[in-house]
Protein backbone atom coordinates (compact mmCIF):
# COMPACT_ATOMS: atom_id res chain seq x y z
CA UNK A 1 -26.94 -40.73 15.74
CA UNK A 2 -28.42 -42.93 17.82
CA UNK A 3 -29.42 -45.12 15.06
CA UNK A 4 -26.11 -44.81 13.49
CA UNK A 5 -24.65 -46.03 16.35
CA UNK A 6 -26.67 -48.97 17.15
CA UNK A 7 -25.79 -50.44 13.11
CA UNK A 8 -21.77 -49.64 14.27
CA UNK A 9 -22.47 -51.71 17.50
CA UNK A 10 -23.94 -55.34 15.37
CA UNK A 11 -20.48 -55.13 12.64
CA UNK A 12 -17.90 -57.59 13.33
CA UNK A 13 -15.26 -55.76 15.68
CA UNK A 14 -12.96 -53.34 13.31
CA UNK A 15 -9.13 -52.87 13.85
CA UNK A 16 -7.86 -51.06 16.58
CA UNK A 17 -4.81 -48.16 15.95
CA UNK A 18 -2.60 -49.53 18.58
CA UNK A 19 0.45 -49.56 15.54
CA UNK A 20 -0.43 -46.78 14.38
CA UNK A 21 -0.03 -44.29 17.86
CA UNK A 22 2.68 -46.58 18.69
CA UNK A 23 4.76 -45.41 15.97
CA UNK A 24 4.27 -41.79 15.87
CA UNK A 25 8.03 -40.87 17.32
CA UNK A 26 9.82 -43.91 16.42
CA UNK A 27 13.40 -43.53 15.29
CA UNK A 28 14.29 -42.42 12.19
CA UNK A 29 17.66 -44.79 11.05
CA UNK A 30 15.74 -48.33 11.47
CA UNK A 31 12.62 -47.39 10.45
CA UNK A 32 14.24 -46.48 7.28
CA UNK A 33 16.22 -49.09 7.11
CA UNK A 34 13.62 -51.44 6.54
CA UNK A 35 11.29 -49.29 4.34
CA UNK A 36 14.27 -49.54 1.97
CA UNK A 37 14.31 -53.18 2.09
CA UNK A 38 11.14 -52.71 1.40
CA UNK A 39 11.15 -50.21 -1.24
CA UNK A 40 14.71 -51.29 -2.97
CA UNK A 41 14.49 -52.36 -6.52
CA UNK A 42 16.34 -55.28 -8.53
CA UNK A 43 19.06 -54.11 -10.77
CA UNK A 44 16.84 -54.98 -14.21
CA UNK A 45 13.77 -52.48 -12.48
CA UNK A 46 16.01 -49.43 -11.51
CA UNK A 47 17.09 -49.78 -15.23
CA UNK A 48 13.81 -49.29 -16.69
CA UNK A 49 12.73 -46.75 -14.34
CA UNK A 50 15.79 -44.54 -14.77
CA UNK A 51 14.95 -44.70 -18.34
CA UNK A 52 11.50 -44.40 -18.29
CA UNK A 53 11.88 -40.58 -15.63
CA UNK A 54 14.48 -39.87 -17.89
CA UNK A 55 12.27 -39.36 -20.94
CA UNK A 56 9.68 -37.69 -18.10
CA UNK A 57 11.84 -35.09 -17.63
CA UNK A 58 13.40 -34.59 -21.00
CA UNK A 59 9.63 -33.95 -22.67
CA UNK A 60 8.69 -32.02 -19.07
CA UNK A 61 12.08 -29.58 -19.74
CA UNK A 62 10.72 -29.00 -23.99
CA UNK A 63 6.80 -28.73 -23.07
CA UNK A 64 7.80 -26.02 -19.94
CA UNK A 65 9.09 -23.58 -22.59
CA UNK A 66 5.63 -24.10 -24.20
CA UNK A 67 3.44 -23.65 -21.09
CA UNK A 68 5.00 -21.57 -18.60
CA UNK A 69 3.00 -21.42 -15.64
CA UNK A 70 3.41 -21.49 -12.41
CA UNK A 71 6.52 -24.43 -12.10
CA UNK A 72 8.65 -21.21 -13.80
CA UNK A 73 7.59 -18.48 -11.27
CA UNK A 74 8.77 -21.03 -8.26
CA UNK A 75 11.65 -21.64 -10.08
CA UNK A 76 12.44 -17.81 -10.69
CA UNK A 77 11.18 -17.05 -7.20
CA UNK A 78 12.19 -20.03 -5.00
CA UNK A 79 13.29 -20.41 -1.89
CA UNK A 80 16.98 -19.92 -2.83
CA UNK A 81 16.14 -16.25 -3.49
CA UNK A 82 16.00 -13.66 -1.63
CA UNK A 83 13.13 -12.18 -3.28
CA UNK A 84 10.99 -15.66 -3.28
CA UNK A 85 11.72 -16.01 0.40
CA UNK A 86 10.59 -12.19 0.74
CA UNK A 87 7.38 -12.78 -1.31
CA UNK A 88 6.99 -15.91 0.73
CA UNK A 89 6.82 -13.96 4.52
CA UNK A 90 4.95 -11.44 2.83
CA UNK A 91 1.82 -13.67 2.12
CA UNK A 92 2.21 -15.82 4.71
CA UNK A 93 2.48 -12.45 7.28
CA UNK A 94 -1.38 -11.14 5.23
CA UNK A 95 -2.76 -14.02 6.93
CA UNK A 96 -2.25 -12.31 9.96
CA UNK A 97 -2.98 -8.51 9.34
CA UNK A 98 -6.79 -7.22 9.63
CA UNK A 99 -6.58 -3.76 8.65
CA UNK A 100 -5.46 -2.05 5.31
CA UNK A 101 -3.06 0.51 7.53
CA UNK A 102 -0.93 -2.07 8.64
CA UNK A 103 -0.99 -4.40 5.61
CA UNK A 104 0.63 -0.74 3.45
CA UNK A 105 3.26 -0.47 6.47
CA UNK A 106 4.24 -4.28 5.77
CA UNK A 107 3.94 -4.40 2.05
CA UNK A 108 6.02 -1.15 1.67
CA UNK A 109 9.14 -2.23 3.98
CA UNK A 110 8.56 -5.97 2.13
CA UNK A 111 8.78 -4.88 -1.32
CA UNK A 112 11.43 -2.53 -1.21
CA UNK A 113 13.89 -4.39 0.12
CA UNK A 114 13.68 -6.95 -2.93
CA UNK A 115 15.76 -6.50 -6.61
CA UNK A 116 12.63 -7.58 -8.40
CA UNK A 117 14.03 -5.81 -11.62
CA UNK A 118 16.31 -8.41 -11.89
CA UNK A 119 13.87 -11.12 -12.58
CA UNK A 120 11.95 -9.22 -15.22
CA UNK A 121 12.85 -10.41 -18.55
CA UNK A 122 14.98 -14.01 -17.37
CA UNK A 123 11.99 -15.77 -18.08
CA UNK A 124 9.64 -16.56 -21.52
CA UNK A 125 6.52 -17.32 -19.07
CA UNK A 126 3.86 -14.27 -18.98
CA UNK A 127 3.01 -15.56 -15.74
CA UNK A 128 7.10 -14.47 -14.03
CA UNK A 129 6.50 -11.74 -16.08
CA UNK A 130 2.97 -10.44 -15.55
CA UNK A 131 3.47 -11.17 -11.73
CA UNK A 132 7.08 -9.17 -11.58
CA UNK A 133 5.78 -6.09 -12.88
CA UNK A 134 3.07 -6.14 -10.47
CA UNK A 135 5.89 -6.49 -7.54
CA UNK A 136 7.99 -3.61 -9.68
CA UNK A 137 5.17 -1.24 -9.96
CA UNK A 138 6.40 1.00 -7.24
CA UNK A 139 10.11 1.64 -9.51
CA UNK A 140 8.08 1.93 -12.02
CA UNK A 141 5.48 5.13 -11.65
CA UNK A 142 8.07 7.62 -10.92
CA UNK A 143 11.50 7.43 -12.57
CA UNK A 144 13.44 8.35 -10.33
CA UNK A 145 17.01 7.00 -12.00
CA UNK A 146 19.83 5.20 -10.47
CA UNK A 147 17.82 5.96 -7.17
CA UNK A 148 15.93 2.88 -7.60
CA UNK A 149 19.03 0.80 -7.42
CA UNK A 150 21.08 2.49 -4.74
CA UNK A 151 18.02 3.03 -2.69
CA UNK A 152 14.56 0.72 -3.59
CA UNK A 153 13.77 1.15 0.13
CA UNK A 154 13.34 5.13 -0.09
CA UNK A 155 11.99 4.71 -3.34
CA UNK A 156 8.50 3.48 -2.21
CA UNK A 157 8.16 5.77 0.45
CA UNK A 158 8.56 8.67 -1.88
CA UNK A 159 6.13 6.21 -4.37
CA UNK A 160 4.07 6.60 -1.18
CA UNK A 161 4.23 9.82 -0.75
CA UNK A 162 3.23 10.52 -4.23
CA UNK A 163 0.39 7.75 -4.87
CA UNK A 164 -0.59 6.60 -1.41
CA UNK A 165 0.13 3.24 -0.08
CA UNK A 166 -3.33 1.98 -1.10
CA UNK A 167 -1.77 2.20 -4.91
CA UNK A 168 1.16 -0.08 -3.20
CA UNK A 169 -1.09 -2.75 -1.31
CA UNK A 170 -3.29 -3.06 -4.49
CA UNK A 171 -0.36 -3.48 -6.79
CA UNK A 172 0.86 -6.81 -4.37
CA UNK A 173 -2.04 -7.73 -4.76
CA UNK A 174 -2.88 -7.76 -8.45
CA UNK A 175 0.27 -9.50 -8.56
CA UNK A 176 -0.91 -12.25 -6.15
CA UNK A 177 -4.37 -12.29 -8.01
CA UNK A 178 -2.12 -13.18 -11.35
CA UNK A 179 0.33 -15.45 -9.06
CA UNK A 180 -3.23 -16.97 -7.80
CA UNK A 181 -5.03 -17.75 -10.81
CA UNK A 182 -2.78 -20.42 -11.54
CA UNK A 183 -3.04 -22.63 -8.70
CA UNK A 184 -7.32 -22.18 -8.34
CA UNK A 185 -8.98 -23.51 -10.88
CA UNK A 186 -12.26 -20.74 -10.44
CA UNK A 187 -12.97 -18.20 -7.50
CA UNK A 188 -16.41 -20.03 -7.11
CA UNK A 189 -17.20 -23.58 -7.96
CA UNK A 190 -19.37 -22.74 -10.78
CA UNK A 191 -16.30 -20.94 -12.38
CA UNK A 192 -14.14 -24.10 -11.72
CA UNK A 193 -16.36 -26.28 -13.06
CA UNK A 194 -16.73 -24.34 -16.54
CA UNK A 195 -12.70 -23.90 -16.72
CA UNK A 196 -12.02 -27.20 -16.13
CA UNK A 197 -14.06 -27.82 -19.68
CA UNK A 198 -11.15 -28.23 -21.97
CA UNK A 199 -9.06 -30.42 -19.64
CA UNK A 200 -11.80 -33.03 -19.05
CA UNK A 201 -12.37 -33.18 -22.91
CA UNK A 202 -8.67 -34.65 -22.98
CA UNK A 203 -9.33 -36.91 -20.52
CA UNK A 204 -8.47 -35.48 -16.94
CA UNK A 205 -10.25 -36.54 -14.38
CA UNK A 206 -10.92 -33.74 -11.36
CA UNK A 207 -10.88 -33.88 -7.31
CA UNK A 208 -12.18 -30.32 -6.09
CA UNK A 209 -11.24 -28.61 -3.10
CA UNK A 210 -13.19 -26.02 -1.64
CA UNK A 211 -10.35 -23.17 0.04
CA UNK A 212 -10.44 -22.24 3.09
CA UNK A 213 -8.49 -23.35 6.74
CA UNK A 214 -10.04 -24.79 9.97
CA UNK A 215 -13.28 -23.39 11.17
CA UNK A 216 -13.38 -20.99 14.30
CA UNK A 217 -16.43 -20.40 14.80
CA UNK A 218 -19.84 -22.39 14.41
CA UNK A 219 -20.46 -19.24 11.91
CA UNK A 220 -17.31 -20.63 9.89
CA UNK A 221 -18.33 -24.60 9.97
CA UNK A 222 -21.88 -23.99 8.72
CA UNK A 223 -20.67 -21.78 5.92
CA UNK A 224 -18.06 -24.09 5.06
CA UNK A 225 -20.84 -27.13 4.75
CA UNK A 226 -23.07 -25.56 2.78
CA UNK A 227 -20.44 -24.35 0.42
CA UNK A 228 -19.34 -28.63 0.37
CA UNK A 229 -22.95 -29.38 -0.12
CA UNK A 230 -23.78 -26.50 -2.75
CA UNK A 231 -20.06 -28.35 -4.68
CA UNK A 232 -21.81 -31.60 -4.24
CA UNK A 233 -24.97 -30.45 -6.86
CA UNK A 234 -22.83 -28.30 -8.19
CA UNK A 235 -20.13 -30.92 -10.17
CA UNK A 236 -23.07 -33.68 -9.73
CA UNK A 237 -25.34 -31.64 -12.20
CA UNK A 238 -21.63 -30.81 -14.09
CA UNK A 239 -20.87 -35.23 -13.99
CA UNK A 240 -24.23 -35.91 -15.28
CA UNK A 241 -26.11 -39.03 -14.65
CA UNK A 242 -23.37 -42.01 -13.74
CA UNK A 243 -23.64 -44.53 -16.71
CA UNK A 244 -24.50 -47.35 -14.13
CA UNK A 245 -22.91 -47.70 -10.55
CA UNK A 246 -20.62 -49.69 -10.38
CA UNK A 247 -16.77 -49.09 -9.08
CA UNK A 248 -14.87 -48.69 -12.15
CA UNK A 249 -17.71 -45.25 -13.17
CA UNK A 250 -17.45 -44.69 -10.11
CA UNK A 251 -13.59 -43.82 -10.48
CA UNK A 252 -13.75 -42.37 -13.43
CA UNK A 253 -16.11 -39.62 -12.26
CA UNK A 254 -15.22 -36.28 -10.98
CA UNK A 255 -14.92 -36.36 -7.03
CA UNK A 256 -14.92 -33.19 -3.49
CA UNK A 257 -12.11 -32.89 -0.82
CA UNK A 258 -13.30 -32.41 2.63
CA UNK A 259 -11.43 -31.27 5.58
CA UNK A 260 -12.79 -32.39 8.84
CA UNK A 261 -11.34 -29.55 10.72
CA UNK A 262 -13.18 -27.52 8.73
CA UNK A 263 -16.15 -28.78 9.65
CA UNK A 264 -16.08 -27.95 13.06
CA UNK A 265 -14.45 -24.96 15.71
CA UNK A 266 -13.30 -27.70 17.86
CA UNK A 267 -10.95 -29.99 15.88
CA UNK A 268 -8.93 -30.90 18.88
CA UNK A 269 -7.97 -35.01 20.14
CA UNK A 270 -9.77 -33.21 23.51
CA UNK A 271 -13.09 -33.24 22.19
CA UNK A 272 -13.79 -35.81 19.90
CA UNK A 273 -16.36 -36.99 22.25
CA UNK A 274 -18.73 -33.81 20.87
CA UNK A 275 -16.59 -34.56 17.33
CA UNK A 276 -18.94 -37.76 17.03
CA UNK A 277 -22.09 -36.28 18.24
CA UNK A 278 -21.97 -32.59 15.72
CA UNK A 279 -19.22 -33.62 13.85
CA UNK A 280 -19.77 -37.24 11.94
CA UNK A 281 -23.24 -36.83 11.62
CA UNK A 282 -22.46 -33.84 9.66
CA UNK A 283 -19.29 -35.44 7.62
CA UNK A 284 -22.44 -38.46 7.09
CA UNK A 285 -24.66 -35.76 5.53
CA UNK A 286 -22.35 -35.00 2.33
CA UNK A 287 -20.92 -38.75 2.52
CA UNK A 288 -24.82 -39.88 1.70
CA UNK A 289 -24.98 -37.48 -0.51
CA UNK A 290 -22.31 -38.18 -2.93
CA UNK A 291 -23.09 -41.65 -2.63
CA UNK A 292 -26.55 -40.37 -4.07
CA UNK A 293 -24.73 -38.86 -6.76
CA UNK A 294 -22.29 -41.61 -7.72
CA UNK A 295 -19.15 -39.67 -6.83
CA UNK A 296 -16.18 -40.30 -4.62
CA UNK A 297 -15.26 -38.06 -1.58
CA UNK A 298 -12.17 -38.30 0.47
CA UNK A 299 -11.48 -36.93 3.44
CA UNK A 300 -8.12 -34.73 3.42
CA UNK A 301 -4.75 -35.21 5.60
CA UNK A 302 -4.12 -33.07 9.07
CA UNK A 303 -2.23 -32.24 11.53
CA UNK A 304 -0.14 -35.06 12.78
CA UNK A 305 -1.80 -34.61 16.59
CA UNK A 306 -4.91 -34.93 14.46
CA UNK A 307 -4.45 -38.47 12.23
CA UNK A 308 -6.01 -40.57 15.63
CA UNK A 309 -9.02 -38.32 15.59
CA UNK A 310 -9.04 -38.32 12.10
CA UNK A 311 -9.71 -41.92 11.98
CA UNK A 312 -11.68 -42.06 14.83
CA UNK A 313 -13.98 -39.75 13.43
CA UNK A 314 -14.17 -41.54 10.01
CA UNK A 315 -14.42 -44.94 11.40
CA UNK A 316 -18.43 -45.32 11.47
CA UNK A 317 -18.79 -43.53 8.36
CA UNK A 318 -16.40 -46.62 6.85
CA UNK A 319 -18.72 -49.13 8.86
CA UNK A 320 -22.23 -47.19 8.31
CA UNK A 321 -24.70 -50.00 6.45
CA UNK A 322 -26.12 -46.61 5.00
CA UNK A 323 -23.17 -46.59 2.61
CA UNK A 324 -22.30 -49.88 1.89
CA UNK A 325 -22.43 -50.76 -1.98
CA UNK A 326 -20.71 -46.99 -2.86
CA UNK A 327 -16.47 -47.46 -2.76
CA UNK A 328 -15.76 -44.10 -3.11
CA UNK A 329 -15.15 -43.05 0.88
CA UNK A 330 -10.90 -42.51 0.79
CA UNK A 331 -8.12 -41.11 2.72
CA UNK A 332 -5.16 -39.14 2.18
CA UNK A 333 -2.22 -40.87 3.27
CA UNK A 334 0.86 -38.34 4.07
CA UNK A 335 4.03 -40.53 3.16
CA UNK A 336 6.53 -38.12 5.65
CA UNK A 337 4.61 -39.51 8.62
CA UNK A 338 6.44 -42.55 10.05
CA UNK A 339 2.48 -43.78 10.72
CA UNK A 340 2.17 -43.99 6.60
CA UNK A 341 2.22 -47.95 6.84
CA UNK A 342 0.94 -48.62 10.06
CA UNK A 343 -2.05 -46.63 9.12
CA UNK A 344 -2.35 -48.50 5.68
CA UNK A 345 -2.23 -52.02 7.24
CA UNK A 346 -5.20 -50.27 9.51
CA UNK A 347 -7.00 -49.39 6.42
CA UNK A 348 -6.87 -52.84 5.12
CA UNK A 349 -8.15 -54.30 7.89
CA UNK A 350 -11.11 -51.60 7.92
CA UNK A 351 -11.53 -52.17 4.70
CA UNK A 352 -11.67 -56.57 4.88
CA UNK A 353 -14.40 -55.93 8.48
CA UNK A 354 -16.76 -53.62 6.41
CA UNK A 355 -16.64 -55.45 2.70
CA UNK A 356 -15.00 -51.88 1.83
CA UNK A 357 -11.99 -50.95 -1.19
CA UNK A 358 -11.24 -47.89 -0.12
CA UNK A 359 -9.39 -45.34 -2.66
CA UNK A 360 -6.16 -44.07 -0.86
CA UNK A 361 -4.90 -40.90 -2.01
CA UNK A 362 -0.93 -40.89 -1.55
CA UNK A 363 0.86 -37.73 -0.43
CA UNK A 364 4.19 -36.49 0.23
CA UNK A 365 3.03 -33.82 3.08
CA UNK A 366 2.76 -30.22 2.64
CA UNK A 367 2.83 -29.40 6.59
CA UNK A 368 6.49 -30.29 7.16
CA UNK A 369 8.10 -27.34 8.24
CA UNK A 370 5.05 -26.77 11.04
CA UNK A 371 5.50 -30.18 12.08
CA UNK A 372 9.15 -29.73 12.80
CA UNK A 373 8.23 -26.14 14.78
CA UNK A 374 5.65 -27.87 16.95
CA UNK A 375 7.84 -31.17 17.42
CA UNK A 376 10.79 -28.84 18.79
CA UNK A 377 8.42 -25.69 21.10
CA UNK A 378 6.87 -29.09 22.37
CA UNK A 379 10.57 -30.72 23.39
CA UNK A 380 8.79 -34.05 22.21
CA UNK A 381 11.71 -36.91 22.13
CA UNK A 382 11.50 -37.11 18.20
CA UNK A 383 9.26 -36.40 15.36
CA UNK A 384 6.32 -37.61 13.26
CA UNK A 385 7.78 -37.12 9.98
CA UNK A 386 10.72 -38.03 8.42
CA UNK A 387 14.00 -35.24 8.81
CA UNK A 388 15.23 -36.12 5.03
CA UNK A 389 13.44 -35.67 1.87
CA UNK A 390 14.63 -38.25 0.93
CA UNK A 391 13.44 -40.44 3.50
CA UNK A 392 10.03 -39.78 2.76
CA UNK A 393 10.54 -40.70 -0.70
CA UNK A 394 11.38 -44.25 0.38
CA UNK A 395 8.55 -44.52 2.24
CA UNK A 396 6.59 -43.20 -0.84
CA UNK A 397 7.59 -46.25 -2.57
CA UNK A 398 7.38 -48.76 -0.05
CA UNK A 399 3.57 -47.57 0.72
CA UNK A 400 2.79 -47.98 -3.33
CA UNK A 401 4.03 -51.26 -3.35
CA UNK A 402 2.03 -52.08 0.20
CA UNK A 403 -1.23 -50.06 -1.71
CA UNK A 404 -0.26 -51.56 -5.16
CA UNK A 405 -0.75 -55.29 -2.71
CA UNK A 406 -3.80 -55.45 -1.95
CA UNK A 407 -6.27 -53.90 -4.51
CA UNK A 408 -8.71 -56.07 -3.25
CA UNK A 409 -8.50 -53.23 0.03
CA UNK A 410 -7.58 -50.50 -2.18
CA UNK A 411 -8.33 -47.81 -5.07
CA UNK A 412 -4.50 -46.52 -5.73
CA UNK A 413 -4.45 -42.57 -6.31
CA UNK A 414 -0.51 -41.84 -5.90
CA UNK A 415 0.04 -37.58 -6.16
CA UNK A 416 3.09 -36.66 -7.48
CA UNK A 417 4.97 -34.24 -9.31
CA UNK A 418 8.39 -36.53 -9.35
CA UNK A 419 9.60 -38.26 -12.80
CA UNK A 420 11.46 -41.04 -10.59
CA UNK A 421 8.22 -41.66 -8.59
CA UNK A 422 5.37 -41.22 -11.44
CA UNK A 423 8.52 -43.94 -13.50
CA UNK A 424 8.96 -46.70 -10.24
CA UNK A 425 4.97 -46.51 -9.43
CA UNK A 426 4.24 -46.82 -13.62
CA UNK A 427 7.25 -50.24 -12.90
CA UNK A 428 5.42 -51.13 -9.68
CA UNK A 429 1.91 -51.79 -10.48
CA UNK A 430 2.26 -52.92 -14.35
CA UNK A 431 -0.95 -53.87 -15.23
CA UNK A 432 -2.67 -53.35 -12.44
CA UNK A 433 -5.38 -50.55 -11.74
CA UNK A 434 -4.66 -46.89 -10.29
CA UNK A 435 -4.21 -43.42 -11.24
CA UNK A 436 -2.24 -40.39 -10.79
CA UNK A 437 -2.42 -37.30 -9.75
CA UNK A 438 -1.43 -33.86 -10.19
CA UNK A 439 -2.25 -29.81 -8.30
CA UNK A 440 -3.77 -27.52 -10.25
CA UNK A 441 -1.46 -25.56 -11.96
CA UNK A 442 1.49 -27.39 -11.85
CA UNK A 443 2.90 -30.85 -13.38
CA UNK A 444 1.59 -29.94 -16.25
CA UNK A 445 4.91 -30.64 -18.40
CA UNK A 446 5.06 -33.81 -16.20
CA UNK A 447 2.37 -36.39 -17.85
CA UNK A 448 2.16 -38.88 -16.59
CA UNK A 449 -1.03 -39.71 -18.71
CA UNK A 450 1.02 -40.20 -21.67
CA UNK A 451 1.99 -43.87 -19.42
CA UNK A 452 -1.77 -44.33 -20.15
CA UNK A 453 -2.84 -44.25 -17.03
CA UNK A 454 -5.57 -42.10 -16.37
CA UNK A 455 -4.51 -38.64 -14.11
CA UNK A 456 -7.33 -36.71 -11.87
CA UNK A 457 -6.08 -33.29 -11.00
CA UNK A 458 -6.69 -31.72 -7.31
CA UNK A 459 -8.29 -28.24 -8.61
CA UNK A 460 -8.66 -25.64 -5.42
CA UNK A 461 -11.50 -23.69 -5.50
CA UNK A 462 -12.26 -20.23 -3.56
CA UNK A 463 -11.35 -16.86 -3.51
CA UNK A 464 -8.31 -14.58 -2.97
CA UNK A 465 -8.22 -14.66 0.61
CA UNK A 466 -8.87 -18.69 0.42
CA UNK A 467 -5.93 -18.43 -1.30
CA UNK A 468 -3.40 -17.44 0.74
CA UNK A 469 -2.89 -19.63 2.96
CA UNK A 470 -2.55 -22.67 0.74
CA UNK A 471 -0.30 -20.20 -1.47
CA UNK A 472 2.18 -20.57 0.81
CA UNK A 473 1.95 -24.29 1.76
CA UNK A 474 2.49 -24.78 -1.77
CA UNK A 475 5.64 -22.17 -1.82
CA UNK A 476 7.23 -23.81 0.91
CA UNK A 477 6.68 -26.88 -1.02
CA UNK A 478 8.27 -26.41 -4.18
CA UNK A 479 9.70 -23.46 -4.06
CA UNK A 480 12.77 -24.73 -1.88
CA UNK A 481 15.59 -25.59 -4.12
CA UNK A 482 15.73 -29.03 -2.99
CA UNK A 483 12.45 -29.60 -4.61
CA UNK A 484 11.60 -31.83 -7.67
CA UNK A 485 9.41 -29.06 -9.43
CA UNK A 486 12.05 -26.44 -9.08
CA UNK A 487 15.22 -28.64 -10.02
CA UNK A 488 12.88 -29.42 -13.55
CA UNK A 489 12.23 -25.87 -13.89
CA UNK A 490 16.42 -25.42 -13.73
CA UNK A 491 17.88 -26.79 -17.10
CA UNK A 492 21.23 -27.01 -15.82
CA UNK A 493 20.36 -29.32 -13.42
CA UNK A 494 21.86 -32.52 -14.85
CA UNK A 495 18.93 -34.83 -15.49
CA UNK A 496 20.50 -37.74 -13.94
CA UNK A 497 20.12 -35.81 -10.55
CA UNK A 498 17.46 -35.20 -10.80
CA UNK A 499 15.96 -38.92 -11.38
CA UNK A 500 18.10 -40.42 -9.05
CA UNK A 501 16.69 -43.47 -7.08
CA UNK A 502 15.81 -42.18 -4.12
CA UNK A 503 16.19 -45.41 -2.43
CA UNK A 504 20.27 -46.20 -3.22
CA UNK A 505 20.61 -42.30 -1.97
CA UNK A 506 19.16 -43.35 1.52
CA UNK A 507 20.77 -46.44 2.18
CA UNK A 508 24.26 -44.38 1.96
CA UNK A 509 23.17 -41.68 3.77
CA UNK A 510 24.81 -41.08 6.95
CA UNK A 511 22.17 -41.53 10.15
CA UNK A 512 20.31 -38.50 11.22
CA UNK A 513 20.89 -37.28 14.76
CA UNK A 514 18.93 -38.40 17.40
CA UNK A 515 16.29 -35.35 18.48
CA UNK A 516 17.47 -34.39 22.28
CA UNK A 517 15.40 -32.92 24.77
């Protein structure tokens, strides 16, 4: 580690992060006004975007009826239905229950509260109906006549008395596995690579994510590091030898996404000195292996209170001469963060100081609920994220312009399932190089590669236990009736409302109320 520090000390001054820190709790209304000015489209462009977005939605709806999949499930069990809320609460609660007996009682009470039968046959998707059958098992094992409708909780208790709690538990877990297979490419990296073959042949790129939450113990961190190491070796073998060590070849190849919090049990700002000594060498080893295999590596986003720490730990990797000549080290940037544009400015400064071109995965963000809750619990004077989804969409477009305007610093990667966002990015970018990204199992019907741009699939890899936390985030992010995925699956939702320009919408909304302590 000493040699690493000496190399960094010899470099030109690196950009400071003051502007990023200053934007943490900035007032939302003035910020949104400035973002509107940066994101707004001329009338001619707005018309082109609207036409393109409309075509994407029409094609996506036609494709969804053919493919079904998780988009249909999220629409059927969205957060606007009682059963969708029950399913989300149950999945989230199971994360915290260590013993089978308590899980049995929770499952029995929760499943008994939902009218699952009303969802059966509403969708022509096999995934929706198979999952519903699993959730309805309590109502199909014994014939209780009308009692099923009048007293579902009592039905569950009678079923338990006849067949035992393990039947209920296994039925629900099987339904969750059916659902999980639509979100997760494979339980192991080997299985995931085998399952990815068909889509790779269709021209898709991949970024593999080894599922798992933050490490709680040193043993957890060691296990995650080993999984990442094994994944690098497997993906490198699957990708084969590069056809030259050029940046163009690098960005065509499959990559890996890494969460820093999975690699150390004390991933807290108060532990920065320790993390510099213990975590940075571990990430440097992974980055070195990716450089050797000529594969791209993305550092995933963490919660808002970890951003400064993540940047402090990533800075030595960008600056280390041992990783020079490999422009595969990238970062995920969350557009719902009020610090997205200052962060992009900082990354541009880092790219220029170190002679790098940094891949940036621009996402909208998946931790909104927890960020709002955390700010409220702490009694903060503001929020680190936008309080309106429309404002996040505006910030995304402003950030997209910032990335595309500095292609000497960035390789832009736009992660979105939103037709208006895809059409807007395509219009802004023109012929400039970039790629789209989508989650595995979602957005298959919405095909951005139809715009003649590459598309990368963000592909989670892991077992059922690791799936639950990821599943909860996806349900929260896409199950709400205001989400694009949900509205796309609703054939009654007018296309004009789905593809409405968020910039013009934000411009006429009243100012959000100021947060008070």
